[in-house]
Amino acid sequence: MQAPVLVLKAIEDSLNRESGSKVHHANIQASKAVADIIRTTLGPRSMLKMLLDTGGGGIVVTNDGNCILRELDLAHPAAK
């Protein structure tokens, strides 16, 4: 039996606990979104990604998945 997955969601300075299949689907979608970003940087035919800093910090061109994950600003707990 699987352990229940709980997501704490901050709404107006209070935490609400969510559980169930809706949370499972949200976690799967978040992890798929991150995987889609990283997928093309893997393997012998890896492609470069151009990351733009919105704060005016400049442009980073890399095919390193770790560098890309460090630069992403992720809000979803499962995607982090």
N, C-alpha and C. Protein backbone atom coordinates (compact mmCIF):
# COMPACT_ATOMS: atom_id res chain seq x y z
N MET A 1 0.84 -1.18 0.00
CA MET A 1 0.00 0.00 0.00
C MET A 1 0.88 1.24 0.00
N GLN A 2 0.53 2.22 -0.83
CA GLN A 2 1.32 3.45 -0.92
C GLN A 2 1.00 4.38 0.23
N ALA A 3 2.01 5.11 0.66
CA ALA A 3 1.79 6.14 1.67
C ALA A 3 1.07 7.31 1.03
N PRO A 4 0.18 7.96 1.75
CA PRO A 4 -0.54 9.10 1.17
C PRO A 4 0.40 10.27 0.90
N VAL A 5 0.12 10.98 -0.18
CA VAL A 5 0.91 12.14 -0.54
C VAL A 5 0.16 13.37 -0.08
N LEU A 6 0.82 14.21 0.68
CA LEU A 6 0.19 15.43 1.20
C LEU A 6 0.94 16.64 0.68
N VAL A 7 0.20 17.65 0.26
CA VAL A 7 0.78 18.89 -0.20
C VAL A 7 0.24 20.01 0.67
N LEU A 8 1.14 20.80 1.24
CA LEU A 8 0.71 21.94 2.03
C LEU A 8 0.69 23.16 1.14
N LYS A 9 -0.43 23.83 1.10
CA LYS A 9 -0.63 24.95 0.20
C LYS A 9 -0.87 26.21 1.03
N ALA A 10 -0.04 27.22 0.83
CA ALA A 10 -0.18 28.47 1.58
C ALA A 10 -1.22 29.36 0.93
N ILE A 11 -2.27 29.64 1.67
CA ILE A 11 -3.32 30.54 1.20
C ILE A 11 -3.56 31.57 2.30
N GLU A 12 -3.29 32.82 1.99
CA GLU A 12 -3.52 33.92 2.91
C GLU A 12 -2.90 33.64 4.28
N ASP A 13 -1.64 33.32 4.30
CA ASP A 13 -0.87 33.08 5.53
C ASP A 13 -1.37 31.91 6.37
N SER A 14 -2.09 30.98 5.77
CA SER A 14 -2.49 29.77 6.47
C SER A 14 -2.18 28.58 5.58
N LEU A 15 -1.97 27.44 6.19
CA LEU A 15 -1.63 26.24 5.43
C LEU A 15 -2.85 25.32 5.36
N ASN A 16 -3.14 24.86 4.16
CA ASN A 16 -4.20 23.87 3.96
C ASN A 16 -3.57 22.59 3.49
N ARG A 17 -4.02 21.49 4.01
CA ARG A 17 -3.48 20.18 3.64
C ARG A 17 -4.38 19.57 2.58
N GLU A 18 -3.77 19.16 1.48
CA GLU A 18 -4.52 18.53 0.40
C GLU A 18 -4.00 17.11 0.22
N SER A 19 -4.89 16.22 -0.17
CA SER A 19 -4.48 14.84 -0.41
C SER A 19 -5.40 14.24 -1.46
N GLY A 20 -5.03 13.06 -1.93
CA GLY A 20 -5.86 12.36 -2.89
C GLY A 20 -5.30 12.34 -4.29
N SER A 21 -6.14 11.89 -5.22
CA SER A 21 -5.68 11.72 -6.59
C SER A 21 -5.39 13.05 -7.27
N LYS A 22 -6.06 14.11 -6.85
CA LYS A 22 -5.81 15.43 -7.43
C LYS A 22 -4.36 15.87 -7.16
N VAL A 23 -3.89 15.58 -5.97
CA VAL A 23 -2.51 15.93 -5.60
C VAL A 23 -1.53 15.05 -6.37
N HIS A 24 -1.85 13.78 -6.53
CA HIS A 24 -0.98 12.88 -7.30
C HIS A 24 -0.82 13.38 -8.73
N HIS A 25 -1.92 13.78 -9.35
CA HIS A 25 -1.86 14.27 -10.73
C HIS A 25 -1.07 15.57 -10.82
N ALA A 26 -1.22 16.45 -9.83
CA ALA A 26 -0.46 17.71 -9.83
C ALA A 26 1.03 17.44 -9.69
N ASN A 27 1.39 16.48 -8.83
CA ASN A 27 2.81 16.13 -8.65
C ASN A 27 3.39 15.52 -9.92
N ILE A 28 2.62 14.67 -10.57
CA ILE A 28 3.08 14.05 -11.81
C ILE A 28 3.27 15.09 -12.90
N GLN A 29 2.35 16.02 -13.03
CA GLN A 29 2.46 17.08 -14.04
C GLN A 29 3.67 17.97 -13.78
N ALA A 30 3.91 18.29 -12.51
CA ALA A 30 5.07 19.13 -12.18
C ALA A 30 6.37 18.42 -12.51
N SER A 31 6.46 17.13 -12.17
CA SER A 31 7.70 16.40 -12.46
C SER A 31 7.89 16.18 -13.95
N LYS A 32 6.80 16.00 -14.70
CA LYS A 32 6.91 15.86 -16.15
C LYS A 32 7.37 17.17 -16.79
N ALA A 33 6.92 18.28 -16.28
CA ALA A 33 7.34 19.58 -16.82
C ALA A 33 8.84 19.78 -16.64
N VAL A 34 9.36 19.44 -15.48
CA VAL A 34 10.80 19.57 -15.23
C VAL A 34 11.56 18.56 -16.10
N ALA A 35 11.04 17.35 -16.23
CA ALA A 35 11.70 16.33 -17.06
C ALA A 35 11.74 16.75 -18.52
N ASP A 36 10.69 17.40 -19.01
CA ASP A 36 10.68 17.86 -20.41
C ASP A 36 11.75 18.92 -20.66
N ILE A 37 12.01 19.75 -19.66
CA ILE A 37 13.04 20.77 -19.81
C ILE A 37 14.42 20.13 -19.85
N ILE A 38 14.66 19.15 -19.00
CA ILE A 38 15.97 18.53 -18.85
C ILE A 38 16.22 17.46 -19.91
N ARG A 39 15.18 16.83 -20.44
CA ARG A 39 15.31 15.68 -21.34
C ARG A 39 16.23 15.95 -22.53
N THR A 40 16.11 17.12 -23.14
CA THR A 40 16.90 17.40 -24.35
C THR A 40 18.37 17.70 -24.06
N THR A 41 18.74 17.79 -22.78
CA THR A 41 20.14 18.04 -22.44
C THR A 41 20.90 16.73 -22.20
N LEU A 42 20.22 15.60 -22.29
CA LEU A 42 20.84 14.31 -21.99
C LEU A 42 21.23 13.58 -23.27
N GLY A 43 22.23 12.75 -23.16
CA GLY A 43 22.62 11.87 -24.26
C GLY A 43 23.62 12.49 -25.22
N PRO A 44 24.01 11.70 -26.24
CA PRO A 44 25.03 12.16 -27.18
C PRO A 44 24.55 13.27 -28.12
N ARG A 45 23.23 13.41 -28.26
CA ARG A 45 22.69 14.46 -29.13
C ARG A 45 22.08 15.59 -28.30
N SER A 46 22.70 15.90 -27.19
CA SER A 46 22.13 16.91 -26.29
C SER A 46 22.16 18.29 -26.93
N MET A 47 21.14 19.06 -26.63
CA MET A 47 21.02 20.41 -27.17
C MET A 47 21.32 21.42 -26.07
N LEU A 48 21.79 22.58 -26.47
CA LEU A 48 22.05 23.66 -25.54
C LEU A 48 20.75 24.37 -25.19
N LYS A 49 20.67 24.88 -23.98
CA LYS A 49 19.53 25.67 -23.54
C LYS A 49 20.02 27.08 -23.25
N MET A 50 19.23 28.06 -23.66
CA MET A 50 19.56 29.45 -23.39
C MET A 50 18.65 29.94 -22.27
N LEU A 51 19.25 30.33 -21.16
CA LEU A 51 18.51 30.80 -20.01
C LEU A 51 18.67 32.31 -19.90
N LEU A 52 17.55 33.00 -19.83
CA LEU A 52 17.57 34.45 -19.70
C LEU A 52 17.22 34.82 -18.27
N ASP A 53 18.03 35.67 -17.67
CA ASP A 53 17.77 36.13 -16.32
C ASP A 53 16.85 37.33 -16.38
N THR A 54 15.68 37.24 -15.73
CA THR A 54 14.72 38.33 -15.78
C THR A 54 15.18 39.55 -14.99
N GLY A 55 16.10 39.37 -14.09
CA GLY A 55 16.60 40.48 -13.30
C GLY A 55 17.69 41.27 -14.00
N GLY A 56 17.94 40.99 -15.25
CA GLY A 56 18.97 41.71 -15.99
C GLY A 56 20.36 41.16 -15.78
N GLY A 57 20.45 39.92 -15.28
CA GLY A 57 21.73 39.32 -15.00
C GLY A 57 22.46 38.80 -16.22
N GLY A 58 21.76 38.63 -17.32
CA GLY A 58 22.42 38.19 -18.53
C GLY A 58 21.86 36.89 -19.06
N ILE A 59 22.64 36.29 -19.94
CA ILE A 59 22.23 35.07 -20.64
C ILE A 59 23.21 33.95 -20.29
N VAL A 60 22.68 32.77 -20.04
CA VAL A 60 23.50 31.59 -19.79
C VAL A 60 23.13 30.55 -20.84
N VAL A 61 24.13 30.04 -21.56
CA VAL A 61 23.92 28.97 -22.53
C VAL A 61 24.62 27.73 -22.00
N THR A 62 23.84 26.66 -21.78
CA THR A 62 24.40 25.46 -21.18
C THR A 62 23.63 24.22 -21.63
N ASN A 63 24.27 23.08 -21.51
CA ASN A 63 23.57 21.81 -21.69
C ASN A 63 23.69 20.96 -20.43
N ASP A 64 24.08 21.60 -19.33
CA ASP A 64 24.23 20.94 -18.04
C ASP A 64 22.89 20.99 -17.31
N GLY A 65 22.30 19.81 -17.07
CA GLY A 65 21.00 19.74 -16.40
C GLY A 65 21.03 20.31 -15.00
N ASN A 66 22.12 20.11 -14.28
CA ASN A 66 22.24 20.63 -12.93
C ASN A 66 22.24 22.16 -12.94
N CYS A 67 22.93 22.75 -13.87
CA CYS A 67 22.95 24.21 -13.98
C CYS A 67 21.56 24.75 -14.28
N ILE A 68 20.85 24.07 -15.15
CA ILE A 68 19.49 24.50 -15.52
C ILE A 68 18.56 24.41 -14.31
N LEU A 69 18.65 23.33 -13.56
CA LEU A 69 17.80 23.18 -12.38
C LEU A 69 18.11 24.22 -11.32
N ARG A 70 19.38 24.61 -11.19
CA ARG A 70 19.74 25.66 -10.22
C ARG A 70 19.17 27.01 -10.63
N GLU A 71 19.07 27.26 -11.93
CA GLU A 71 18.59 28.56 -12.42
C GLU A 71 17.08 28.66 -12.43
N LEU A 72 16.36 27.54 -12.42
CA LEU A 72 14.91 27.57 -12.46
C LEU A 72 14.36 28.03 -11.12
N ASP A 73 13.30 28.83 -11.17
CA ASP A 73 12.61 29.26 -9.96
C ASP A 73 11.32 28.45 -9.88
N LEU A 74 11.37 27.36 -9.14
CA LEU A 74 10.25 26.44 -9.05
C LEU A 74 9.41 26.73 -7.81
N ALA A 75 8.07 26.75 -8.00
CA ALA A 75 7.17 27.01 -6.88
C ALA A 75 6.50 25.74 -6.38
N HIS A 76 6.39 24.75 -7.23
CA HIS A 76 5.70 23.51 -6.84
C HIS A 76 6.62 22.66 -5.97
N PRO A 77 6.14 22.15 -4.83
CA PRO A 77 7.00 21.36 -3.94
C PRO A 77 7.56 20.10 -4.58
N ALA A 78 6.80 19.41 -5.40
CA ALA A 78 7.29 18.18 -6.02
C ALA A 78 8.32 18.49 -7.10
N ALA A 79 8.20 19.61 -7.75
CA ALA A 79 9.14 19.98 -8.81
C ALA A 79 10.49 20.39 -8.23
N LYS A 80 10.49 20.87 -7.00
CA LYS A 80 11.75 21.28 -6.38
C LYS A 80 12.62 20.08 -6.14
